[in-house]
């Protein structure tokens, strides 16, 4: 049987290569696994509309994930699903904000219903949780970087670049260990860069401690 951690790592690498690449700059393997668990959860939600053709069926699957949050945040062991098992371990080590997960699921349901992207739900909240998992006591310092990342991911590149200065100022207040959580935002400077260029940009940002 494949190692669940390895499977989740591969899943994130396939669906969110930029964030997977940023996670390589987390030196602690347990913290990195917790971060990958969060990213794998997001990948699972993103995949739902691609797996089903009817909006109602997609909503039912999103509702299933919403129901799983009850047990996850009650501290009950989640067995049988590698993402839920990994999230349970992460939650036990560093309690997360359930509201971020609920709002993300609701935003996905909204997208199925034709609503516009909720940048805070899709990007700001998850980036704060990533920072929390990596040890940030004030994950709000990652909010501006999350907005930049969201603007970049939705094609609003000029707005993303314009927000980088504020995102950088906030991100510099994060602990060094939590900085990889906001690293994807630095890629807003060159959204069309190739993999090698992105690795170089992420490495340079890490060495400088700046986006």
N, C-alpha and C. Protein backbone atom coordinates (compact mmCIF):
# COMPACT_ATOMS: atom_id res chain seq x y z
N UNK A 1 0.85 -1.19 0.00
CA UNK A 1 0.00 0.00 0.00
C UNK A 1 0.89 1.24 0.00
N UNK A 2 0.51 2.25 -0.80
CA UNK A 2 1.31 3.47 -0.88
C UNK A 2 1.21 4.25 0.42
N UNK A 3 2.29 4.92 0.74
CA UNK A 3 2.31 5.77 1.92
C UNK A 3 1.34 6.92 1.72
N UNK A 4 0.33 7.12 2.62
CA UNK A 4 -0.65 8.18 2.43
C UNK A 4 -0.01 9.55 2.29
N UNK A 5 1.03 9.81 3.09
CA UNK A 5 1.71 11.10 3.00
C UNK A 5 2.28 11.34 1.62
N UNK A 6 2.88 10.28 1.06
CA UNK A 6 3.44 10.37 -0.28
C UNK A 6 2.35 10.61 -1.30
N UNK A 7 1.21 9.92 -1.12
CA UNK A 7 0.09 10.07 -2.05
C UNK A 7 -0.44 11.50 -2.04
N UNK A 8 -0.59 12.07 -0.86
CA UNK A 8 -1.09 13.44 -0.77
C UNK A 8 -0.08 14.42 -1.37
N UNK A 9 1.17 14.16 -1.15
CA UNK A 9 2.21 15.02 -1.70
C UNK A 9 2.12 15.02 -3.23
N UNK A 10 1.94 13.86 -3.81
CA UNK A 10 1.81 13.75 -5.26
C UNK A 10 0.54 14.44 -5.76
N UNK A 11 -0.53 14.32 -4.99
CA UNK A 11 -1.79 14.96 -5.36
C UNK A 11 -1.63 16.47 -5.42
N UNK A 12 -1.01 17.04 -4.40
CA UNK A 12 -0.81 18.49 -4.36
C UNK A 12 0.13 18.92 -5.48
N UNK A 13 1.16 18.13 -5.71
CA UNK A 13 2.11 18.49 -6.77
C UNK A 13 1.42 18.57 -8.13
N UNK A 14 0.45 17.69 -8.36
CA UNK A 14 -0.26 17.66 -9.64
C UNK A 14 -1.26 18.79 -9.77
N UNK A 15 -1.92 19.14 -8.67
CA UNK A 15 -3.02 20.11 -8.73
C UNK A 15 -2.55 21.53 -8.45
N UNK A 16 -1.61 21.69 -7.52
CA UNK A 16 -1.15 23.01 -7.10
C UNK A 16 0.37 23.04 -7.08
N UNK A 17 1.01 22.96 -8.25
CA UNK A 17 2.47 22.84 -8.29
C UNK A 17 3.22 24.00 -7.64
N UNK A 18 2.67 25.21 -7.71
CA UNK A 18 3.37 26.36 -7.11
C UNK A 18 3.38 26.25 -5.59
N UNK A 19 2.27 25.85 -5.02
CA UNK A 19 2.24 25.72 -3.56
C UNK A 19 3.02 24.49 -3.11
N UNK A 20 2.95 23.44 -3.92
CA UNK A 20 3.78 22.27 -3.59
C UNK A 20 5.25 22.68 -3.57
N UNK A 21 5.68 23.45 -4.56
CA UNK A 21 7.06 23.88 -4.63
C UNK A 21 7.41 24.75 -3.42
N UNK A 22 6.50 25.61 -3.00
CA UNK A 22 6.73 26.44 -1.82
C UNK A 22 6.87 25.59 -0.56
N UNK A 23 6.13 24.49 -0.51
CA UNK A 23 6.20 23.62 0.67
C UNK A 23 7.55 22.94 0.82
N UNK A 24 8.33 22.88 -0.24
CA UNK A 24 9.67 22.27 -0.16
C UNK A 24 10.60 23.10 0.72
N UNK A 25 10.22 24.35 1.00
CA UNK A 25 11.06 25.22 1.82
C UNK A 25 10.70 25.13 3.30
N UNK A 26 9.83 24.18 3.65
CA UNK A 26 9.52 23.88 5.05
C UNK A 26 10.46 22.77 5.49
N UNK A 27 11.45 23.05 6.34
CA UNK A 27 12.46 22.04 6.67
C UNK A 27 11.95 20.91 7.56
N UNK A 28 10.99 21.21 8.42
CA UNK A 28 10.49 20.21 9.34
C UNK A 28 9.51 19.28 8.63
N UNK A 29 9.77 17.97 8.57
CA UNK A 29 8.92 17.07 7.80
C UNK A 29 7.50 16.96 8.33
N UNK A 30 7.31 17.08 9.65
CA UNK A 30 5.97 16.99 10.20
C UNK A 30 5.17 18.24 9.84
N UNK A 31 5.78 19.41 9.99
CA UNK A 31 5.11 20.65 9.62
C UNK A 31 4.78 20.66 8.13
N UNK A 32 5.71 20.15 7.34
CA UNK A 32 5.47 20.10 5.89
C UNK A 32 4.30 19.16 5.57
N UNK A 33 4.22 18.03 6.28
CA UNK A 33 3.11 17.10 6.06
C UNK A 33 1.77 17.74 6.43
N UNK A 34 1.76 18.53 7.51
CA UNK A 34 0.53 19.22 7.90
C UNK A 34 0.12 20.23 6.84
N UNK A 35 1.09 20.93 6.29
CA UNK A 35 0.80 21.91 5.24
C UNK A 35 0.24 21.20 4.01
N UNK A 36 0.85 20.09 3.64
CA UNK A 36 0.38 19.32 2.49
C UNK A 36 -1.04 18.80 2.73
N UNK A 37 -1.37 18.45 3.96
CA UNK A 37 -2.72 18.00 4.28
C UNK A 37 -3.74 19.09 3.97
N UNK A 38 -3.42 20.33 4.34
CA UNK A 38 -4.31 21.45 4.04
C UNK A 38 -4.45 21.64 2.54
N UNK A 39 -3.33 21.61 1.84
CA UNK A 39 -3.37 21.80 0.39
C UNK A 39 -4.11 20.65 -0.30
N UNK A 40 -3.98 19.44 0.23
CA UNK A 40 -4.68 18.29 -0.36
C UNK A 40 -6.18 18.42 -0.15
N UNK A 41 -6.59 18.96 0.99
CA UNK A 41 -8.01 19.22 1.22
C UNK A 41 -8.55 20.18 0.16
N UNK A 42 -7.81 21.24 -0.09
CA UNK A 42 -8.23 22.19 -1.12
C UNK A 42 -8.27 21.53 -2.49
N UNK A 43 -7.31 20.64 -2.76
CA UNK A 43 -7.28 19.94 -4.04
C UNK A 43 -8.50 19.04 -4.21
N UNK A 44 -8.92 18.41 -3.11
CA UNK A 44 -10.11 17.55 -3.17
C UNK A 44 -11.34 18.37 -3.55
N UNK A 45 -11.48 19.55 -2.96
CA UNK A 45 -12.63 20.39 -3.27
C UNK A 45 -12.59 20.87 -4.72
N UNK A 46 -11.41 21.24 -5.17
CA UNK A 46 -11.27 21.71 -6.55
C UNK A 46 -11.65 20.63 -7.56
N UNK A 47 -11.41 19.38 -7.20
CA UNK A 47 -11.64 18.27 -8.14
C UNK A 47 -13.11 17.91 -8.28
N UNK A 48 -13.93 18.28 -7.33
CA UNK A 48 -15.32 17.82 -7.35
C UNK A 48 -16.06 18.24 -8.61
N UNK A 49 -16.04 19.51 -9.02
CA UNK A 49 -16.79 19.87 -10.23
C UNK A 49 -16.28 19.18 -11.49
N UNK A 50 -15.04 18.70 -11.46
CA UNK A 50 -14.48 17.99 -12.61
C UNK A 50 -14.90 16.52 -12.63
N UNK A 51 -15.30 16.02 -11.48
CA UNK A 51 -15.65 14.59 -11.39
C UNK A 51 -17.13 14.33 -11.63
N UNK A 52 -17.96 15.34 -11.43
CA UNK A 52 -19.40 15.18 -11.63
C UNK A 52 -19.88 16.24 -12.61
N UNK A 53 -20.92 15.92 -13.36
CA UNK A 53 -21.40 16.84 -14.39
C UNK A 53 -22.61 17.65 -13.95
N UNK A 54 -23.29 17.20 -12.90
CA UNK A 54 -24.50 17.89 -12.46
C UNK A 54 -24.21 18.72 -11.21
N UNK A 55 -24.61 20.00 -11.20
CA UNK A 55 -24.37 20.86 -10.03
C UNK A 55 -24.91 20.27 -8.73
N UNK A 56 -26.07 19.62 -8.79
CA UNK A 56 -26.65 19.06 -7.56
C UNK A 56 -25.75 17.99 -6.98
N UNK A 57 -25.17 17.15 -7.83
CA UNK A 57 -24.27 16.11 -7.34
C UNK A 57 -23.01 16.74 -6.73
N UNK A 58 -22.53 17.82 -7.34
CA UNK A 58 -21.36 18.51 -6.79
C UNK A 58 -21.70 19.07 -5.41
N UNK A 59 -22.87 19.68 -5.29
CA UNK A 59 -23.27 20.24 -4.00
C UNK A 59 -23.37 19.15 -2.94
N UNK A 60 -23.84 17.99 -3.32
CA UNK A 60 -23.94 16.87 -2.37
C UNK A 60 -22.55 16.47 -1.87
N UNK A 61 -21.57 16.46 -2.76
CA UNK A 61 -20.22 16.08 -2.35
C UNK A 61 -19.60 17.16 -1.45
N UNK A 62 -19.87 18.41 -1.78
CA UNK A 62 -19.37 19.47 -0.91
C UNK A 62 -20.03 19.38 0.46
N UNK A 63 -21.31 19.04 0.49
CA UNK A 63 -22.02 18.89 1.77
C UNK A 63 -21.41 17.75 2.59
N UNK A 64 -21.01 16.67 1.92
CA UNK A 64 -20.35 15.57 2.63
C UNK A 64 -19.09 16.07 3.32
N UNK A 65 -18.29 16.85 2.61
CA UNK A 65 -17.08 17.40 3.22
C UNK A 65 -17.42 18.31 4.39
N UNK A 66 -18.48 19.09 4.24
CA UNK A 66 -18.89 19.96 5.34
C UNK A 66 -19.26 19.15 6.58
N UNK A 67 -19.94 18.04 6.38
CA UNK A 67 -20.32 17.19 7.51
C UNK A 67 -19.09 16.56 8.17
N UNK A 68 -18.08 16.27 7.39
CA UNK A 68 -16.86 15.68 7.95
C UNK A 68 -16.14 16.65 8.88
N UNK A 69 -16.36 17.94 8.68
CA UNK A 69 -15.72 18.94 9.53
C UNK A 69 -16.20 18.84 10.97
N UNK A 70 -17.44 18.38 11.17
CA UNK A 70 -17.95 18.23 12.54
C UNK A 70 -17.05 17.30 13.34
N UNK A 71 -16.77 16.14 12.79
CA UNK A 71 -15.91 15.19 13.50
C UNK A 71 -14.48 15.66 13.61
N UNK A 72 -13.99 16.26 12.52
CA UNK A 72 -12.60 16.72 12.51
C UNK A 72 -12.34 17.72 13.62
N UNK A 73 -13.23 18.71 13.74
CA UNK A 73 -13.00 19.76 14.73
C UNK A 73 -13.52 19.39 16.12
N UNK A 74 -14.17 18.23 16.23
CA UNK A 74 -14.53 17.71 17.55
C UNK A 74 -13.42 16.82 18.10
N UNK A 75 -12.38 16.63 17.29
CA UNK A 75 -11.25 15.81 17.73
C UNK A 75 -11.48 14.32 17.58
N UNK A 76 -12.49 13.94 16.81
CA UNK A 76 -12.77 12.51 16.61
C UNK A 76 -11.86 11.97 15.50
N UNK A 77 -11.29 10.80 15.69
CA UNK A 77 -10.40 10.24 14.66
C UNK A 77 -11.15 10.06 13.35
N UNK A 78 -10.54 10.48 12.26
CA UNK A 78 -11.13 10.31 10.93
C UNK A 78 -10.38 9.17 10.25
N UNK A 79 -11.08 8.13 9.93
CA UNK A 79 -10.44 6.94 9.35
C UNK A 79 -11.02 6.66 7.96
N UNK A 80 -10.17 6.16 7.09
CA UNK A 80 -10.64 5.72 5.80
C UNK A 80 -10.45 6.69 4.66
N UNK A 81 -10.12 7.94 4.97
CA UNK A 81 -9.85 8.92 3.92
C UNK A 81 -8.52 9.59 4.25
N UNK A 82 -7.52 9.45 3.39
CA UNK A 82 -6.18 9.96 3.73
C UNK A 82 -6.13 11.45 4.01
N UNK A 83 -6.94 12.23 3.31
CA UNK A 83 -6.93 13.68 3.55
C UNK A 83 -7.48 14.00 4.93
N UNK A 84 -8.59 13.37 5.28
CA UNK A 84 -9.18 13.60 6.60
C UNK A 84 -8.26 13.10 7.72
N UNK A 85 -7.63 11.96 7.51
CA UNK A 85 -6.70 11.44 8.51
C UNK A 85 -5.54 12.41 8.73
N UNK A 86 -4.99 12.93 7.63
CA UNK A 86 -3.87 13.85 7.73
C UNK A 86 -4.29 15.17 8.36
N UNK A 87 -5.48 15.65 8.00
CA UNK A 87 -5.97 16.89 8.60
C UNK A 87 -6.21 16.72 10.10
N UNK A 88 -6.70 15.55 10.49
CA UNK A 88 -6.92 15.28 11.91
C UNK A 88 -5.63 15.36 12.70
N UNK A 89 -4.57 14.83 12.14
CA UNK A 89 -3.27 14.90 12.81
C UNK A 89 -2.78 16.34 12.89
N UNK A 90 -2.97 17.08 11.80
CA UNK A 90 -2.56 18.48 11.80
C UNK A 90 -3.34 19.29 12.82
N UNK A 91 -4.65 19.05 12.89
CA UNK A 91 -5.50 19.76 13.83
C UNK A 91 -5.11 19.46 15.27
N UNK A 92 -4.70 18.23 15.54
CA UNK A 92 -4.29 17.84 16.89
C UNK A 92 -3.01 18.55 17.30
N UNK A 93 -2.14 18.81 16.33
CA UNK A 93 -0.87 19.46 16.64
C UNK A 93 -1.00 20.97 16.73
N UNK A 94 -1.83 21.54 15.88
CA UNK A 94 -1.95 23.00 15.82
C UNK A 94 -3.39 23.33 15.44
N UNK A 95 -4.27 23.54 16.44
CA UNK A 95 -5.69 23.76 16.15
C UNK A 95 -5.91 24.86 15.12
N UNK A 96 -6.78 24.56 14.18
CA UNK A 96 -7.07 25.48 13.09
C UNK A 96 -8.43 26.15 13.29
N UNK A 97 -8.75 27.07 12.40
CA UNK A 97 -10.00 27.83 12.45
C UNK A 97 -11.03 27.14 11.57
N UNK A 98 -12.03 26.54 12.17
CA UNK A 98 -13.03 25.82 11.37
C UNK A 98 -13.73 26.75 10.39
N UNK A 99 -13.92 28.00 10.75
CA UNK A 99 -14.62 28.93 9.87
C UNK A 99 -13.99 29.02 8.50
N UNK A 100 -12.66 28.90 8.46
CA UNK A 100 -11.96 28.96 7.17
C UNK A 100 -12.40 27.80 6.28
N UNK A 101 -12.54 26.62 6.86
CA UNK A 101 -12.93 25.44 6.10
C UNK A 101 -14.39 25.54 5.65
N UNK A 102 -15.25 26.00 6.56
CA UNK A 102 -16.67 26.15 6.21
C UNK A 102 -16.86 27.17 5.09
N UNK A 103 -16.17 28.30 5.21
CA UNK A 103 -16.32 29.34 4.18
C UNK A 103 -15.76 28.88 2.83
N UNK A 104 -14.70 28.08 2.87
CA UNK A 104 -14.13 27.58 1.62
C UNK A 104 -15.12 26.63 0.93
N UNK A 105 -15.73 25.75 1.69
CA UNK A 105 -16.71 24.82 1.11
C UNK A 105 -17.90 25.60 0.56
N UNK A 106 -18.38 26.59 1.32
CA UNK A 106 -19.50 27.41 0.86
C UNK A 106 -19.15 28.16 -0.42
N UNK A 107 -17.92 28.64 -0.51
CA UNK A 107 -17.49 29.36 -1.71
C UNK A 107 -17.47 28.43 -2.92
N UNK A 108 -17.09 27.17 -2.71
CA UNK A 108 -17.11 26.21 -3.81
C UNK A 108 -18.55 25.94 -4.27
N UNK A 109 -19.44 25.84 -3.33
CA UNK A 109 -20.86 25.66 -3.69
C UNK A 109 -21.33 26.87 -4.48
N UNK A 110 -20.91 28.05 -4.05
CA UNK A 110 -21.27 29.27 -4.77
C UNK A 110 -20.77 29.26 -6.20
N UNK A 111 -19.56 28.76 -6.40
CA UNK A 111 -19.00 28.70 -7.76
C UNK A 111 -19.82 27.74 -8.62
N UNK A 112 -20.25 26.62 -8.06
CA UNK A 112 -21.09 25.68 -8.80
C UNK A 112 -22.40 26.35 -9.22
N UNK A 113 -22.87 27.25 -8.37
CA UNK A 113 -24.12 27.97 -8.64
C UNK A 113 -23.92 29.20 -9.51
N UNK A 114 -22.69 29.41 -9.96
CA UNK A 114 -22.42 30.51 -10.89
C UNK A 114 -21.98 31.80 -10.25
N UNK A 115 -21.69 31.79 -8.94
CA UNK A 115 -21.24 33.00 -8.27
C UNK A 115 -19.77 33.28 -8.57
N UNK A 116 -19.37 34.53 -8.37
CA UNK A 116 -17.98 34.91 -8.65
C UNK A 116 -17.05 34.40 -7.55
N UNK A 117 -15.75 34.45 -7.84
CA UNK A 117 -14.74 34.00 -6.87
C UNK A 117 -14.81 34.84 -5.60
N UNK A 118 -14.83 34.17 -4.46
CA UNK A 118 -14.69 34.83 -3.17
C UNK A 118 -13.22 34.74 -2.80
N UNK A 119 -12.46 35.82 -3.05
CA UNK A 119 -11.00 35.77 -2.87
C UNK A 119 -10.62 35.46 -1.42
N UNK A 120 -11.37 36.00 -0.48
CA UNK A 120 -11.04 35.75 0.93
C UNK A 120 -11.23 34.28 1.27
N UNK A 121 -12.34 33.71 0.83
CA UNK A 121 -12.63 32.31 1.16
C UNK A 121 -11.68 31.35 0.45
N UNK A 122 -11.39 31.63 -0.81
CA UNK A 122 -10.57 30.71 -1.59
C UNK A 122 -9.08 30.85 -1.31
N UNK A 123 -8.64 32.06 -0.99
CA UNK A 123 -7.19 32.29 -0.91
C UNK A 123 -6.73 32.90 0.42
N UNK A 124 -7.40 33.92 0.90
CA UNK A 124 -6.96 34.58 2.13
C UNK A 124 -7.03 33.66 3.34
N UNK A 125 -8.19 33.04 3.55
CA UNK A 125 -8.35 32.15 4.69
C UNK A 125 -7.40 30.97 4.67
N UNK A 126 -7.32 30.24 3.55
CA UNK A 126 -6.39 29.11 3.51
C UNK A 126 -4.93 29.51 3.72
N UNK A 127 -4.53 30.69 3.23
CA UNK A 127 -3.14 31.09 3.45
C UNK A 127 -2.89 31.41 4.92
N UNK A 128 -3.89 31.97 5.59
CA UNK A 128 -3.75 32.20 7.04
C UNK A 128 -3.61 30.87 7.77
N UNK A 129 -4.40 29.88 7.37
CA UNK A 129 -4.31 28.58 8.04
C UNK A 129 -2.97 27.91 7.76
N UNK A 130 -2.45 28.12 6.57
CA UNK A 130 -1.12 27.58 6.26
C UNK A 130 -0.09 28.20 7.19
N UNK A 131 -0.19 29.51 7.40
CA UNK A 131 0.74 30.18 8.31
C UNK A 131 0.56 29.69 9.74
N UNK A 132 -0.69 29.46 10.13
CA UNK A 132 -0.95 28.95 11.49
C UNK A 132 -0.32 27.58 11.69
N UNK A 133 -0.49 26.72 10.70
CA UNK A 133 0.08 25.37 10.80
C UNK A 133 1.60 25.39 10.92
N UNK A 134 2.21 26.43 10.35
CA UNK A 134 3.67 26.53 10.40
C UNK A 134 4.16 27.34 11.59
N UNK A 135 3.24 27.66 12.51
CA UNK A 135 3.67 28.27 13.76
C UNK A 135 3.40 29.74 13.95
N UNK A 136 2.64 30.36 13.06
CA UNK A 136 2.34 31.79 13.21
C UNK A 136 1.32 31.99 14.33
N UNK A 137 1.65 32.83 15.30
CA UNK A 137 0.70 33.16 16.36
C UNK A 137 -0.31 34.19 15.89
N UNK A 138 0.05 34.98 14.88
CA UNK A 138 -0.85 35.97 14.30
C UNK A 138 -0.96 35.70 12.80
N UNK A 139 -1.78 34.71 12.41
CA UNK A 139 -1.87 34.35 11.00
C UNK A 139 -2.45 35.45 10.12
N UNK A 140 -3.07 36.48 10.75
CA UNK A 140 -3.59 37.59 9.94
C UNK A 140 -2.48 38.29 9.16
N UNK A 141 -1.24 38.10 9.59
CA UNK A 141 -0.13 38.70 8.86
C UNK A 141 0.05 38.09 7.47
N UNK A 142 -0.66 37.00 7.22
CA UNK A 142 -0.60 36.36 5.90
C UNK A 142 -1.77 36.75 5.01
N UNK A 143 -2.71 37.55 5.52
CA UNK A 143 -3.92 37.86 4.77
C UNK A 143 -3.63 38.60 3.47
N UNK A 144 -2.78 39.61 3.53
CA UNK A 144 -2.49 40.41 2.34
C UNK A 144 -1.82 39.56 1.27
N UNK A 145 -0.95 38.65 1.70
CA UNK A 145 -0.30 37.75 0.74
C UNK A 145 -1.34 36.82 0.11
N UNK A 146 -2.30 36.40 0.89
CA UNK A 146 -3.37 35.55 0.35
C UNK A 146 -4.18 36.27 -0.71
N UNK A 147 -4.43 37.55 -0.49
CA UNK A 147 -5.17 38.32 -1.49
C UNK A 147 -4.36 38.46 -2.78
N UNK A 148 -3.06 38.73 -2.64
CA UNK A 148 -2.20 38.83 -3.81
C UNK A 148 -2.22 37.52 -4.59
N UNK A 149 -2.11 36.42 -3.88
CA UNK A 149 -2.12 35.11 -4.52
C UNK A 149 -3.45 34.88 -5.25
N UNK A 150 -4.54 35.26 -4.58
CA UNK A 150 -5.85 35.09 -5.20
C UNK A 150 -6.04 35.94 -6.44
N UNK A 151 -5.59 37.18 -6.38
CA UNK A 151 -5.69 38.06 -7.56
C UNK A 151 -4.88 37.49 -8.72
N UNK A 152 -3.71 36.99 -8.41
CA UNK A 152 -2.86 36.41 -9.45
C UNK A 152 -3.50 35.18 -10.04
N UNK A 153 -4.08 34.32 -9.20
CA UNK A 153 -4.68 33.09 -9.68
C UNK A 153 -5.95 33.31 -10.50
N UNK A 154 -6.59 34.46 -10.32
CA UNK A 154 -7.81 34.76 -11.06
C UNK A 154 -7.55 35.72 -12.22
N UNK A 155 -6.28 35.88 -12.58
CA UNK A 155 -5.94 36.66 -13.76
C UNK A 155 -5.86 38.16 -13.57
N UNK A 156 -5.95 38.62 -12.34
CA UNK A 156 -5.89 40.07 -12.07
C UNK A 156 -4.46 40.45 -11.70
N UNK A 157 -3.58 40.28 -12.67
CA UNK A 157 -2.14 40.36 -12.42
C UNK A 157 -1.66 41.75 -12.02
N UNK A 158 -2.20 42.79 -12.63
CA UNK A 158 -1.78 44.15 -12.28
C UNK A 158 -2.14 44.46 -10.83
N UNK A 159 -3.35 44.07 -10.41
CA UNK A 159 -3.77 44.30 -9.02
C UNK A 159 -2.89 43.49 -8.07
N UNK A 160 -2.55 42.28 -8.48
CA UNK A 160 -1.72 41.43 -7.63
C UNK A 160 -0.36 42.08 -7.41
N UNK A 161 0.26 42.53 -8.47
CA UNK A 161 1.59 43.16 -8.34
C UNK A 161 1.50 44.44 -7.50
N UNK A 162 0.40 45.17 -7.65
CA UNK A 162 0.23 46.41 -6.88
C UNK A 162 0.11 46.13 -5.39
N UNK A 163 -0.39 44.94 -5.03
CA UNK A 163 -0.57 44.61 -3.62
C UNK A 163 0.63 43.96 -2.97
N UNK A 164 1.67 43.71 -3.75
CA UNK A 164 2.82 42.98 -3.21
C UNK A 164 3.56 43.74 -2.11
N UNK A 165 3.65 45.05 -2.23
CA UNK A 165 4.39 45.82 -1.22
C UNK A 165 3.74 45.68 0.16
N UNK A 166 2.41 45.82 0.21
CA UNK A 166 1.71 45.66 1.48
C UNK A 166 1.82 44.22 1.99
N UNK A 167 1.70 43.27 1.07
CA UNK A 167 1.81 41.86 1.46
C UNK A 167 3.18 41.57 2.04
N UNK A 168 4.20 42.16 1.44
CA UNK A 168 5.57 41.94 1.90
C UNK A 168 5.77 42.51 3.30
N UNK A 169 5.25 43.70 3.53
CA UNK A 169 5.39 44.32 4.87
C UNK A 169 4.76 43.46 5.94
N UNK A 170 3.58 42.92 5.65
CA UNK A 170 2.91 42.07 6.64
C UNK A 170 3.63 40.74 6.82
N UNK A 171 4.07 40.16 5.71
CA UNK A 171 4.70 38.85 5.76
C UNK A 171 6.01 38.87 6.52
N UNK A 172 6.70 40.01 6.52
CA UNK A 172 7.98 40.08 7.23
C UNK A 172 7.81 39.98 8.73
N UNK A 173 6.59 40.11 9.22
CA UNK A 173 6.32 39.97 10.65
C UNK A 173 6.09 38.51 11.05
N UNK A 174 5.96 37.64 10.06
CA UNK A 174 5.75 36.22 10.36
C UNK A 174 7.03 35.57 10.88
N UNK A 175 6.92 34.55 11.69
CA UNK A 175 8.12 33.79 12.07
C UNK A 175 8.77 33.18 10.82
N UNK A 176 10.05 32.99 10.88
CA UNK A 176 10.77 32.43 9.73
C UNK A 176 10.16 31.10 9.31
N UNK A 177 9.78 30.29 10.29
CA UNK A 177 9.23 28.97 9.98
C UNK A 177 7.91 29.04 9.22
N UNK A 178 7.17 30.14 9.39
CA UNK A 178 5.87 30.29 8.75
C UNK A 178 5.95 30.96 7.39
N UNK A 179 7.11 31.49 7.03
CA UNK A 179 7.24 32.24 5.78
C UNK A 179 6.89 31.43 4.54
N UNK A 180 7.20 30.12 4.48
CA UNK A 180 6.82 29.36 3.28
C UNK A 180 5.32 29.37 2.98
N UNK A 181 4.50 29.64 4.00
CA UNK A 181 3.06 29.68 3.76
C UNK A 181 2.67 30.79 2.79
N UNK A 182 3.42 31.89 2.81
CA UNK A 182 3.09 33.02 1.94
C UNK A 182 3.95 33.08 0.69
N UNK A 183 4.89 32.17 0.57
CA UNK A 183 5.81 32.19 -0.57
C UNK A 183 5.11 32.22 -1.94
N UNK A 184 3.99 31.51 -2.14
CA UNK A 184 3.38 31.55 -3.47
C UNK A 184 3.07 32.96 -3.96
N UNK A 185 2.83 33.89 -3.03
CA UNK A 185 2.48 35.25 -3.44
C UNK A 185 3.60 35.91 -4.24
N UNK A 186 4.84 35.54 -3.96
CA UNK A 186 5.95 36.17 -4.67
C UNK A 186 5.93 35.84 -6.16
N UNK A 187 5.27 34.74 -6.52
CA UNK A 187 5.20 34.35 -7.93
C UNK A 187 4.26 35.25 -8.72
N UNK A 188 3.52 36.13 -8.04
CA UNK A 188 2.68 37.09 -8.74
C UNK A 188 3.52 38.07 -9.56
N UNK A 189 4.80 38.17 -9.25
CA UNK A 189 5.68 39.06 -10.02
C UNK A 189 5.88 38.53 -11.44
N UNK A 190 5.81 37.24 -11.62
CA UNK A 190 6.05 36.64 -12.94
C UNK A 190 5.16 35.41 -13.07
N UNK A 191 3.85 35.60 -13.24
CA UNK A 191 2.93 34.46 -13.23
C UNK A 191 3.15 33.46 -14.35
N UNK A 192 3.80 33.87 -15.42
CA UNK A 192 4.01 32.97 -16.55
C UNK A 192 5.41 32.35 -16.57
N UNK A 193 6.15 32.50 -15.48
CA UNK A 193 7.51 31.95 -15.42
C UNK A 193 7.47 30.42 -15.45
N UNK A 194 8.53 29.83 -15.96
CA UNK A 194 8.63 28.38 -16.00
C UNK A 194 9.03 27.82 -14.65
N UNK A 195 8.99 26.50 -14.50
CA UNK A 195 9.30 25.86 -13.22
C UNK A 195 10.67 26.22 -12.66
N UNK A 196 11.68 26.24 -13.50
CA UNK A 196 13.03 26.56 -13.01
C UNK A 196 13.10 27.98 -12.49
N UNK A 197 12.48 28.90 -13.22
CA UNK A 197 12.46 30.30 -12.80
C UNK A 197 11.69 30.46 -11.48
N UNK A 198 10.59 29.74 -11.36
CA UNK A 198 9.80 29.82 -10.13
C UNK A 198 10.61 29.30 -8.94
N UNK A 199 11.31 28.20 -9.12
CA UNK A 199 12.14 27.68 -8.03
C UNK A 199 13.17 28.73 -7.61
N UNK A 200 13.78 29.38 -8.58
CA UNK A 200 14.77 30.41 -8.27
C UNK A 200 14.15 31.57 -7.52
N UNK A 201 12.97 31.99 -7.94
CA UNK A 201 12.30 33.11 -7.27
C UNK A 201 11.93 32.76 -5.84
N UNK A 202 11.44 31.55 -5.65
CA UNK A 202 11.07 31.12 -4.30
C UNK A 202 12.29 31.01 -3.40
N UNK A 203 13.37 30.49 -3.94
CA UNK A 203 14.61 30.39 -3.16
C UNK A 203 15.12 31.77 -2.79
N UNK A 204 15.12 32.69 -3.74
CA UNK A 204 15.61 34.04 -3.46
C UNK A 204 14.73 34.73 -2.41
N UNK A 205 13.42 34.55 -2.52
CA UNK A 205 12.52 35.14 -1.52
C UNK A 205 12.77 34.56 -0.14
N UNK A 206 13.02 33.25 -0.09
CA UNK A 206 13.28 32.60 1.19
C UNK A 206 14.57 33.11 1.81
N UNK A 207 15.60 33.23 1.00
CA UNK A 207 16.89 33.71 1.52
C UNK A 207 16.79 35.14 2.03
N UNK A 208 16.01 35.97 1.35
CA UNK A 208 15.86 37.37 1.74
C UNK A 208 14.81 37.56 2.84
N UNK A 209 13.88 36.60 2.94
CA UNK A 209 12.77 36.76 3.87
C UNK A 209 11.80 37.82 3.41
N UNK A 210 11.70 37.98 2.07
CA UNK A 210 10.82 39.00 1.49
C UNK A 210 10.12 38.42 0.27
N UNK A 211 8.90 38.91 0.06
CA UNK A 211 8.14 38.48 -1.12
C UNK A 211 8.62 39.20 -2.37
